[in-house]
Amino acid sequence: MVVRQHGLRGAAFAAMAVAGVVATAGGCAATGGAAADDRPGSDPGAVRKAADVLRAAGSSRARTSMEMAAGGTRVTIRGEGGYDFGRRMGRLRVLLPGDAAGTSEHRPITELLSPGVLYMKNRGAGVPADKWVRVDSTALEDGNLVTGGVTDPLISTELLRAARDVTFVAERDLAGVRVWHYRGVTELGRAARSASADVRGALAAAAKGFGEDAVPFDAYLDEEGRPRKVRLRFSYLNQGHPVEVASTMLLYAFGERVAVTLPPEEDIFTGEIKT
């Protein structure tokens, strides 16, 4: 299959291996205690404010996981790196499962996330090792919620601006940090309209491209309202076949410096990519 550089779609990369996550968060043990309104950070309204709190935090380290299930097959992609929320730029090392790429091993993909543009190195066959693939995320049918095997950490949180039916689940311990677990549903269309300007285009594309507008979520906020873990569940049709995707991000080491330098024009691959 040959994919034009600027025509890359979620289905194309998903076929390589889109997938998910889950247990990177480690065991979350619920704790009993007072009612939700007696707990700091237990206001469901905090979920809709999470993106603003995250931007104010400046930066963090990130782990991602994406699990896709289709036709009895389940694959998982994992990523790790850092994100500068002020600049809205991140760098992640993404690991593909061998069978998803059709080989026993596959080189990690380096992804650079920036406003409206995704850069990938080691993206596909036929791309020189020293070249990057550049993709307009606002032109992707999923707004890069699934395509890159990673849901942009900031976009994950921006989706929560449209959260509804939010319920407080429990106070928990997540990797040694006290968090408050919320569950609810967000809507792609509403999220696109209420999102910050620098992510609005990607979410608007996703709202058009996904068959299901509703996105169930679980969000875990710390005492300062920062999202420590966000799990999103997408459902869409790929060539007429239903696909279920669970995308999870974990954020930690807030304030740690994250350096992201975008590749120069001469390092951008302009040919065709085989997958």
Protein backbone atom coordinates (compact mmCIF):
# COMPACT_ATOMS: atom_id res chain seq x y z
CA MET A 1 0.00 0.00 0.00
CA VAL A 2 1.37 3.44 -0.94
CA VAL A 3 0.27 6.49 1.00
CA ARG A 4 0.89 10.01 -0.23
CA GLN A 5 2.65 12.14 2.34
CA HIS A 6 -0.13 14.69 2.65
CA GLY A 7 -2.87 12.09 2.32
CA LEU A 8 -1.86 10.04 5.34
CA ARG A 9 -5.00 8.93 7.20
CA GLY A 10 -5.78 7.38 10.50
CA ALA A 11 -6.67 4.10 8.89
CA ALA A 12 -3.25 3.87 7.24
CA PHE A 13 -1.20 4.10 10.41
CA ALA A 14 -3.82 2.27 12.42
CA ALA A 15 -3.32 -0.67 10.10
CA MET A 16 0.32 -0.72 11.20
CA ALA A 17 -0.77 -0.83 14.79
CA VAL A 18 -2.98 1.50 16.65
CA ALA A 19 -3.55 0.58 20.12
CA GLY A 20 -3.61 1.03 23.57
CA VAL A 21 -3.05 1.05 26.90
CA VAL A 22 -4.06 0.48 30.11
CA ALA A 23 -1.98 -0.69 32.75
CA THR A 24 0.85 1.78 32.57
CA ALA A 25 -0.88 3.57 35.34
CA GLY A 26 -0.07 0.78 37.73
CA GLY A 27 -2.45 -0.28 40.42
CA CYS A 28 -4.85 2.42 41.52
CA ALA A 29 -6.22 1.56 44.89
CA ALA A 30 -9.39 3.39 45.86
CA THR A 31 -9.60 4.84 49.32
CA GLY A 32 -12.72 5.28 51.34
CA GLY A 33 -13.59 8.44 53.20
CA ALA A 34 -15.59 11.60 53.04
CA ALA A 35 -18.06 12.53 50.35
CA ALA A 36 -16.74 13.98 47.08
CA ASP A 37 -17.51 17.60 48.01
CA ASP A 38 -15.34 17.27 51.12
CA ARG A 39 -12.27 16.32 49.13
CA PRO A 40 -9.85 18.86 47.65
CA GLY A 41 -9.98 18.65 43.88
CA SER A 42 -13.15 16.59 43.85
CA ASP A 43 -15.30 19.18 42.05
CA PRO A 44 -16.38 17.67 38.69
CA GLY A 45 -16.03 21.14 37.19
CA ALA A 46 -12.27 20.73 37.62
CA VAL A 47 -12.32 18.28 34.71
CA ARG A 48 -13.38 20.99 32.27
CA LYS A 49 -10.63 23.29 33.58
CA ALA A 50 -7.88 20.66 33.31
CA ALA A 51 -6.47 21.95 30.01
CA ASP A 52 -5.94 25.44 31.44
CA VAL A 53 -4.26 24.00 34.54
CA LEU A 54 -2.04 21.84 32.35
CA ARG A 55 -0.89 24.78 30.24
CA ALA A 56 -0.08 26.70 33.42
CA ALA A 57 2.04 23.75 34.61
CA GLY A 58 4.42 24.46 31.73
CA SER A 59 5.76 21.01 30.87
CA SER A 60 5.98 17.39 31.97
CA ARG A 61 7.18 13.94 31.09
CA ALA A 62 4.61 11.70 29.40
CA ARG A 63 3.89 8.03 28.80
CA THR A 64 1.25 7.00 26.31
CA SER A 65 -0.46 3.79 25.35
CA MET A 66 -2.97 3.01 22.64
CA GLU A 67 -4.87 -0.22 22.18
CA MET A 68 -6.87 -1.05 19.08
CA ALA A 69 -9.28 -3.95 18.74
CA ALA A 70 -10.73 -4.89 15.36
CA GLY A 71 -11.85 -8.19 13.86
CA GLY A 72 -10.61 -10.22 16.78
CA THR A 73 -7.13 -8.67 16.61
CA ARG A 74 -5.72 -6.48 19.35
CA VAL A 75 -2.50 -4.46 19.08
CA THR A 76 -0.77 -2.05 21.43
CA ILE A 77 1.51 0.94 20.81
CA ARG A 78 3.45 2.66 23.59
CA GLY A 79 5.22 5.99 23.71
CA GLU A 80 7.38 7.96 26.10
CA GLY A 81 8.86 11.45 26.09
CA GLY A 82 8.15 15.01 27.15
CA TYR A 83 5.75 17.84 26.34
CA ASP A 84 6.02 21.64 26.56
CA PHE A 85 2.43 22.78 27.08
CA GLY A 86 3.26 26.46 26.77
CA ARG A 87 4.71 26.01 23.27
CA ARG A 88 2.34 23.10 22.54
CA MET A 89 5.24 20.99 21.39
CA GLY A 90 6.32 17.50 22.38
CA ARG A 91 8.79 14.77 21.52
CA LEU A 92 7.87 11.09 21.95
CA ARG A 93 9.56 7.78 21.18
CA VAL A 94 6.87 5.42 19.94
CA LEU A 95 7.23 1.63 20.02
CA LEU A 96 5.26 -0.51 17.58
CA PRO A 97 4.53 -4.18 18.24
CA GLY A 98 6.39 -6.38 15.77
CA ASP A 99 3.37 -8.12 14.29
CA ALA A 100 1.66 -4.79 13.62
CA ALA A 101 4.48 -3.82 11.28
CA GLY A 102 4.57 -7.26 9.70
CA THR A 103 8.02 -8.07 11.10
CA SER A 104 9.39 -9.45 14.32
CA GLU A 105 11.06 -6.13 15.12
CA HIS A 106 10.48 -2.53 14.13
CA ARG A 107 12.56 0.55 14.78
CA PRO A 108 11.03 3.02 17.23
CA ILE A 109 9.34 6.00 15.62
CA THR A 110 10.32 9.47 16.82
CA GLU A 111 7.37 11.85 16.79
CA LEU A 112 7.47 15.61 17.16
CA LEU A 113 4.12 17.16 18.05
CA SER A 114 3.49 20.81 17.21
CA PRO A 115 0.43 23.02 16.55
CA GLY A 116 -1.32 21.54 13.53
CA VAL A 117 1.68 19.50 12.34
CA LEU A 118 3.04 16.03 13.16
CA TYR A 119 6.63 15.04 12.29
CA MET A 120 7.71 11.38 12.24
CA LYS A 121 11.11 9.73 11.74
CA ASN A 122 11.37 6.01 10.87
CA ARG A 123 7.77 6.32 9.74
CA GLY A 124 7.69 3.83 6.88
CA ALA A 125 9.41 1.90 4.14
CA GLY A 126 11.13 3.98 1.49
CA VAL A 127 11.86 6.90 3.81
CA PRO A 128 15.62 7.52 4.30
CA ALA A 129 16.79 7.08 7.89
CA ASP A 130 17.79 10.74 8.20
CA LYS A 131 14.51 12.13 6.85
CA TRP A 132 11.26 13.17 8.54
CA VAL A 133 7.68 12.76 7.36
CA ARG A 134 5.55 15.86 7.91
CA VAL A 135 1.76 15.59 8.19
CA ASP A 136 -0.87 18.30 8.53
CA SER A 137 -2.87 17.00 11.51
CA THR A 138 -5.85 19.23 10.66
CA ALA A 139 -6.16 17.32 7.36
CA LEU A 140 -6.30 13.92 9.04
CA GLU A 141 -9.73 12.36 9.39
CA ASP A 142 -9.10 11.75 13.08
CA GLY A 143 -7.26 15.01 13.83
CA ASN A 144 -4.29 12.85 14.96
CA LEU A 145 -6.22 11.41 17.87
CA VAL A 146 -5.32 7.95 16.53
CA THR A 147 -3.13 8.25 13.41
CA GLY A 148 0.27 8.61 15.07
CA GLY A 149 -0.34 5.82 17.55
CA VAL A 150 -0.34 8.55 20.19
CA THR A 151 -3.08 10.96 21.20
CA ASP A 152 -1.45 14.36 21.65
CA PRO A 153 -1.35 14.88 25.47
CA LEU A 154 -2.65 18.44 25.28
CA ILE A 155 -5.47 17.52 22.88
CA SER A 156 -6.44 14.68 25.22
CA THR A 157 -7.03 17.27 27.92
CA GLU A 158 -8.61 19.86 25.62
CA LEU A 159 -11.27 17.26 24.84
CA LEU A 160 -12.36 17.47 28.47
CA ARG A 161 -13.57 21.06 28.03
CA ALA A 162 -16.78 19.53 26.65
CA ALA A 163 -17.14 16.96 29.44
CA ARG A 164 -20.68 16.09 30.49
CA ASP A 165 -22.32 13.61 32.85
CA VAL A 166 -19.20 13.85 34.99
CA THR A 167 -19.21 11.79 38.17
CA PHE A 168 -16.67 11.59 40.95
CA VAL A 169 -15.57 7.96 41.33
CA ALA A 170 -13.03 7.82 44.12
CA GLU A 171 -9.92 9.22 45.68
CA ARG A 172 -6.98 7.03 44.67
CA ASP A 173 -3.24 6.61 44.83
CA LEU A 174 -1.56 6.71 41.41
CA ALA A 175 2.19 6.02 41.39
CA GLY A 176 2.51 7.55 44.84
CA VAL A 177 0.41 10.65 44.06
CA ARG A 178 -3.05 11.29 45.51
CA VAL A 179 -5.52 11.76 42.67
CA TRP A 180 -9.28 12.19 42.20
CA HIS A 181 -10.87 9.91 39.63
CA TYR A 182 -13.70 11.21 37.42
CA ARG A 183 -15.70 9.47 34.75
CA GLY A 184 -17.88 10.97 32.05
CA VAL A 185 -18.41 11.57 28.34
CA THR A 186 -17.11 14.31 26.09
CA GLU A 187 -18.23 15.21 22.58
CA LEU A 188 -15.87 15.88 19.69
CA GLY A 189 -18.04 18.57 18.09
CA ARG A 190 -18.54 20.54 21.29
CA ALA A 191 -14.90 20.10 22.23
CA ALA A 192 -13.80 21.54 18.88
CA ARG A 193 -15.95 24.62 19.42
CA SER A 194 -14.72 25.23 22.96
CA ALA A 195 -11.07 24.25 22.50
CA SER A 196 -8.15 26.64 22.49
CA ALA A 197 -7.37 28.12 19.07
CA ASP A 198 -4.17 26.11 18.56
CA VAL A 199 -5.95 22.73 18.75
CA ARG A 200 -9.33 23.67 17.35
CA GLY A 201 -8.49 22.64 13.79
CA ALA A 202 -7.42 19.12 14.75
CA LEU A 203 -10.52 18.54 16.87
CA ALA A 204 -12.78 19.92 14.14
CA ALA A 205 -11.26 17.39 11.73
CA ALA A 206 -11.86 14.59 14.22
CA ALA A 207 -15.46 15.68 14.73
CA LYS A 208 -16.04 15.25 11.00
CA GLY A 209 -14.03 12.06 10.56
CA PHE A 210 -15.24 9.92 13.45
CA GLY A 211 -18.57 8.17 13.17
CA GLU A 212 -19.20 8.47 16.92
CA ASP A 213 -19.18 11.96 18.42
CA ALA A 214 -19.31 10.75 22.03
CA VAL A 215 -16.00 9.85 23.69
CA PRO A 216 -16.18 8.20 27.14
CA PHE A 217 -13.31 9.12 29.43
CA ASP A 218 -11.69 8.56 32.80
CA ALA A 219 -9.65 11.45 34.19
CA TYR A 220 -7.41 11.44 37.25
CA LEU A 221 -6.54 14.90 38.63
CA ASP A 222 -4.10 15.67 41.40
CA GLU A 223 -4.71 18.11 44.25
CA GLU A 224 -3.67 21.04 42.04
CA GLY A 225 -6.12 20.00 39.32
CA ARG A 226 -3.40 18.76 36.97
CA PRO A 227 -4.33 15.71 34.88
CA ARG A 228 -2.10 12.80 35.88
CA LYS A 229 -3.89 10.22 33.76
CA VAL A 230 -6.54 10.51 31.04
CA ARG A 231 -8.08 7.52 29.29
CA LEU A 232 -10.23 8.06 26.19
CA ARG A 233 -12.25 5.49 24.27
CA PHE A 234 -12.90 6.09 20.57
CA SER A 235 -15.13 4.13 18.23
CA TYR A 236 -15.14 4.47 14.44
CA LEU A 237 -15.47 2.58 11.18
CA ASN A 238 -12.40 1.66 9.15
CA GLN A 239 -13.39 0.53 5.65
CA GLY A 240 -16.76 -0.50 7.03
CA HIS A 241 -15.38 -2.43 9.99
CA PRO A 242 -15.89 -1.25 13.57
CA VAL A 243 -12.70 -0.35 15.43
CA GLU A 244 -12.43 0.28 19.16
CA VAL A 245 -9.50 2.34 20.43
CA ALA A 246 -8.48 3.02 24.02
CA SER A 247 -5.91 5.79 24.39
CA THR A 248 -4.24 6.57 27.71
CA MET A 249 -1.70 9.17 28.75
CA LEU A 250 0.22 9.46 32.01
CA LEU A 251 1.85 12.75 33.01
CA TYR A 252 4.53 13.22 35.66
CA ALA A 253 7.66 15.29 36.48
CA PHE A 254 5.83 18.58 35.92
CA GLY A 255 8.10 21.53 35.24
CA GLU A 256 10.92 19.42 33.81
CA ARG A 257 12.50 21.14 30.83
CA VAL A 258 11.49 19.70 27.46
CA ALA A 259 13.53 20.63 24.39
CA VAL A 260 11.87 20.21 21.00
CA THR A 261 13.50 21.40 17.77
CA LEU A 262 11.57 20.99 14.54
CA PRO A 263 13.52 19.62 11.55
CA PRO A 264 14.69 22.02 8.83
CA GLU A 265 12.96 21.97 5.45
CA GLU A 266 15.82 20.06 3.79
CA ASP A 267 15.27 17.13 6.19
CA ILE A 268 11.62 16.68 5.21
CA PHE A 269 10.85 13.68 2.98
CA THR A 270 8.72 14.60 -0.05
CA GLY A 271 8.33 11.21 -1.73
CA GLU A 272 5.90 8.35 -1.21
CA ILE A 273 5.60 6.21 1.91
CA LYS A 274 4.95 2.47 1.70
CA THR A 275 3.19 0.77 4.61
